[in-house]
């Protein structure tokens, strides 16, 4: 696919306050040129950048939970029994995951709170 040349130029004016907002948004999204920022905003309608550290924590907890479940399944296959504390650990991990998921959903539903 050949790259098209951009021949049509668009110009508009802003206030100093609007320009500061534009510069801040460009910085937030890591976009260096105004042309790229304007094109992204106009052609895509919006830019969305989520910074939810809870998702990283959620993934870490899910990995740990998966490992625990796999170890328990292996032990059940080998010995036919598991410890009650292992079940309690899994239930606690599930509770923690639900709490984090609810936090994320609340942030997404009410971003300004």
C-alpha atoms as a PDB file:
ATOM      1  CA  UNK A   1       0.000   0.000   0.000  1.00  0.00           C
ATOM      2  CA  UNK A   2       1.478   3.336  -1.016  1.00  0.00           C
ATOM      3  CA  UNK A   3       1.636   6.209   1.409  1.00  0.00           C
ATOM      4  CA  UNK A   4      -0.561   9.122   0.387  1.00  0.00           C
ATOM      5  CA  UNK A   5       0.778  12.660   0.470  1.00  0.00           C
ATOM      6  CA  UNK A   6      -1.037  15.092   2.675  1.00  0.00           C
ATOM      7  CA  UNK A   7      -1.689  18.115   0.501  1.00  0.00           C
ATOM      8  CA  UNK A   8      -4.627  19.837   2.191  1.00  0.00           C
ATOM      9  CA  UNK A   9      -3.817  22.157   5.060  1.00  0.00           C
ATOM     10  CA  UNK A  10      -6.217  23.110   7.862  1.00  0.00           C
ATOM     11  CA  UNK A  11      -5.696  26.208   9.985  1.00  0.00           C
ATOM     12  CA  UNK A  12      -7.536  27.563  13.001  1.00  0.00           C
ATOM     13  CA  UNK A  13      -6.907  29.868  15.931  1.00  0.00           C
ATOM     14  CA  UNK A  14      -7.127  29.209  19.664  1.00  0.00           C
ATOM     15  CA  UNK A  15      -6.874  31.233  22.816  1.00  0.00           C
ATOM     16  CA  UNK A  16      -3.788  30.918  24.982  1.00  0.00           C
ATOM     17  CA  UNK A  17      -5.759  28.851  27.521  1.00  0.00           C
ATOM     18  CA  UNK A  18      -6.997  26.486  24.784  1.00  0.00           C
ATOM     19  CA  UNK A  19      -3.442  26.160  23.483  1.00  0.00           C
ATOM     20  CA  UNK A  20      -2.242  25.181  26.964  1.00  0.00           C
ATOM     21  CA  UNK A  21      -4.940  22.502  27.157  1.00  0.00           C
ATOM     22  CA  UNK A  22      -3.940  21.183  23.720  1.00  0.00           C
ATOM     23  CA  UNK A  23      -0.251  21.056  24.709  1.00  0.00           C
ATOM     24  CA  UNK A  24      -1.088  19.257  27.957  1.00  0.00           C
ATOM     25  CA  UNK A  25      -3.217  16.666  26.173  1.00  0.00           C
ATOM     26  CA  UNK A  26      -0.496  16.109  23.587  1.00  0.00           C
ATOM     27  CA  UNK A  27       1.987  15.536  26.401  1.00  0.00           C
ATOM     28  CA  UNK A  28      -0.400  13.180  28.211  1.00  0.00           C
ATOM     29  CA  UNK A  29      -0.838  11.002  25.114  1.00  0.00           C
ATOM     30  CA  UNK A  30       2.801  11.193  24.056  1.00  0.00           C
ATOM     31  CA  UNK A  31       2.005  12.870  20.751  1.00  0.00           C
ATOM     32  CA  UNK A  32       4.759  15.224  19.625  1.00  0.00           C
ATOM     33  CA  UNK A  33       3.315  17.079  16.674  1.00  0.00           C
ATOM     34  CA  UNK A  34       0.165  19.130  16.565  1.00  0.00           C
ATOM     35  CA  UNK A  35      -0.708  17.719  13.158  1.00  0.00           C
ATOM     36  CA  UNK A  36      -0.653  14.151  14.480  1.00  0.00           C
ATOM     37  CA  UNK A  37      -2.721  15.148  17.499  1.00  0.00           C
ATOM     38  CA  UNK A  38      -5.317  17.019  15.432  1.00  0.00           C
ATOM     39  CA  UNK A  39      -5.586  14.160  12.930  1.00  0.00           C
ATOM     40  CA  UNK A  40      -6.040  11.614  15.708  1.00  0.00           C
ATOM     41  CA  UNK A  41      -8.720  13.709  17.394  1.00  0.00           C
ATOM     42  CA  UNK A  42     -10.599  14.525  14.206  1.00  0.00           C
ATOM     43  CA  UNK A  43     -10.391  11.146  12.456  1.00  0.00           C
ATOM     44  CA  UNK A  44     -10.812   8.936  15.516  1.00  0.00           C
ATOM     45  CA  UNK A  45     -13.231  11.166  17.380  1.00  0.00           C
ATOM     46  CA  UNK A  46     -11.417  10.857  20.710  1.00  0.00           C
ATOM     47  CA  UNK A  47      -8.308   9.618  22.446  1.00  0.00           C
ATOM     48  CA  UNK A  48      -8.494   7.371  25.457  1.00  0.00           C
ATOM     49  CA  UNK A  49      -5.608   6.572  27.738  1.00  0.00           C
ATOM     50  CA  UNK A  50      -6.303   4.422  30.766  1.00  0.00           C
ATOM     51  CA  UNK A  51      -3.833   4.363  33.587  1.00  0.00           C
ATOM     52  CA  UNK A  52      -5.181   1.809  36.014  1.00  0.00           C
ATOM     53  CA  UNK A  53      -2.454   0.297  38.193  1.00  0.00           C
ATOM     54  CA  UNK A  54      -5.166  -1.932  39.639  1.00  0.00           C
ATOM     55  CA  UNK A  55      -5.175  -3.898  36.379  1.00  0.00           C
ATOM     56  CA  UNK A  56      -1.510  -4.810  36.841  1.00  0.00           C
ATOM     57  CA  UNK A  57      -2.258  -5.926  40.394  1.00  0.00           C
ATOM     58  CA  UNK A  58      -5.279  -7.854  39.157  1.00  0.00           C
ATOM     59  CA  UNK A  59      -3.159  -9.723  36.609  1.00  0.00           C
ATOM     60  CA  UNK A  60      -0.550 -10.544  39.255  1.00  0.00           C
ATOM     61  CA  UNK A  61      -3.207 -11.936  41.595  1.00  0.00           C
ATOM     62  CA  UNK A  62      -4.820 -13.945  38.795  1.00  0.00           C
ATOM     63  CA  UNK A  63      -1.451 -15.503  37.939  1.00  0.00           C
ATOM     64  CA  UNK A  64      -0.902 -16.468  41.578  1.00  0.00           C
ATOM     65  CA  UNK A  65      -4.412 -17.880  41.846  1.00  0.00           C
ATOM     66  CA  UNK A  66      -3.950 -19.923  38.673  1.00  0.00           C
ATOM     67  CA  UNK A  67      -0.681 -21.329  39.995  1.00  0.00           C
ATOM     68  CA  UNK A  68      -2.341 -22.268  43.287  1.00  0.00           C
ATOM     69  CA  UNK A  69      -5.235 -24.004  41.543  1.00  0.00           C
ATOM     70  CA  UNK A  70      -2.817 -25.947  39.318  1.00  0.00           C
ATOM     71  CA  UNK A  71      -0.780 -27.074  42.344  1.00  0.00           C
ATOM     72  CA  UNK A  72      -3.927 -28.181  44.147  1.00  0.00           C
ATOM     73  CA  UNK A  73      -5.157 -30.097  41.097  1.00  0.00           C
ATOM     74  CA  UNK A  74      -1.790 -31.837  40.830  1.00  0.00           C
ATOM     75  CA  UNK A  75      -1.872 -32.790  44.526  1.00  0.00           C
ATOM     76  CA  UNK A  76      -5.445 -34.051  44.235  1.00  0.00           C
ATOM     77  CA  UNK A  77      -4.437 -36.272  41.318  1.00  0.00           C
ATOM     78  CA  UNK A  78      -1.394 -37.589  43.193  1.00  0.00           C
ATOM     79  CA  UNK A  79      -2.802 -38.033  46.728  1.00  0.00           C
ATOM     80  CA  UNK A  80      -6.552 -37.644  46.454  1.00  0.00           C
ATOM     81  CA  UNK A  81      -6.774 -34.888  49.102  1.00  0.00           C
ATOM     82  CA  UNK A  82      -5.869 -31.264  49.824  1.00  0.00           C
ATOM     83  CA  UNK A  83      -5.578 -29.062  52.907  1.00  0.00           C
ATOM     84  CA  UNK A  84      -8.485 -26.873  54.026  1.00  0.00           C
ATOM     85  CA  UNK A  85      -6.094 -23.903  54.187  1.00  0.00           C
ATOM     86  CA  UNK A  86      -5.492 -24.198  50.436  1.00  0.00           C
ATOM     87  CA  UNK A  87      -9.209 -23.775  49.752  1.00  0.00           C
ATOM     88  CA  UNK A  88      -9.279 -20.803  52.149  1.00  0.00           C
ATOM     89  CA  UNK A  89      -6.356 -19.196  50.270  1.00  0.00           C
ATOM     90  CA  UNK A  90      -8.179 -19.567  46.960  1.00  0.00           C
ATOM     91  CA  UNK A  91     -11.381 -18.091  48.385  1.00  0.00           C
ATOM     92  CA  UNK A  92      -9.411 -15.153  49.825  1.00  0.00           C
ATOM     93  CA  UNK A  93      -7.690 -14.574  46.475  1.00  0.00           C
ATOM     94  CA  UNK A  94     -11.042 -14.600  44.695  1.00  0.00           C
ATOM     95  CA  UNK A  95     -12.400 -12.060  47.176  1.00  0.00           C
ATOM     96  CA  UNK A  96      -9.377  -9.809  46.583  1.00  0.00           C
ATOM     97  CA  UNK A  97      -9.809 -10.091  42.801  1.00  0.00           C
ATOM     98  CA  UNK A  98     -13.492  -9.138  43.074  1.00  0.00           C
ATOM     99  CA  UNK A  99     -12.594  -6.101  45.188  1.00  0.00           C
ATOM    100  CA  UNK A 100     -10.056  -4.889  42.625  1.00  0.00           C
ATOM    101  CA  UNK A 101     -12.469  -5.509  39.735  1.00  0.00           C
ATOM    102  CA  UNK A 102     -15.162  -3.496  41.525  1.00  0.00           C
ATOM    103  CA  UNK A 103     -12.671  -0.653  42.053  1.00  0.00           C
ATOM    104  CA  UNK A 104     -11.821  -0.645  38.344  1.00  0.00           C
ATOM    105  CA  UNK A 105     -15.477  -0.724  37.306  1.00  0.00           C
ATOM    106  CA  UNK A 106     -16.280   2.151  39.658  1.00  0.00           C
ATOM    107  CA  UNK A 107     -13.439   4.225  38.178  1.00  0.00           C
ATOM    108  CA  UNK A 108     -14.658   3.511  34.661  1.00  0.00           C
ATOM    109  CA  UNK A 109     -18.288   4.295  35.488  1.00  0.00           C
ATOM    110  CA  UNK A 110     -17.481   7.441  37.506  1.00  0.00           C
ATOM    111  CA  UNK A 111     -14.123   8.751  36.220  1.00  0.00           C
ATOM    112  CA  UNK A 112     -14.294  12.126  37.993  1.00  0.00           C
ATOM    113  CA  UNK A 113     -14.841  10.811  41.510  1.00  0.00           C
END
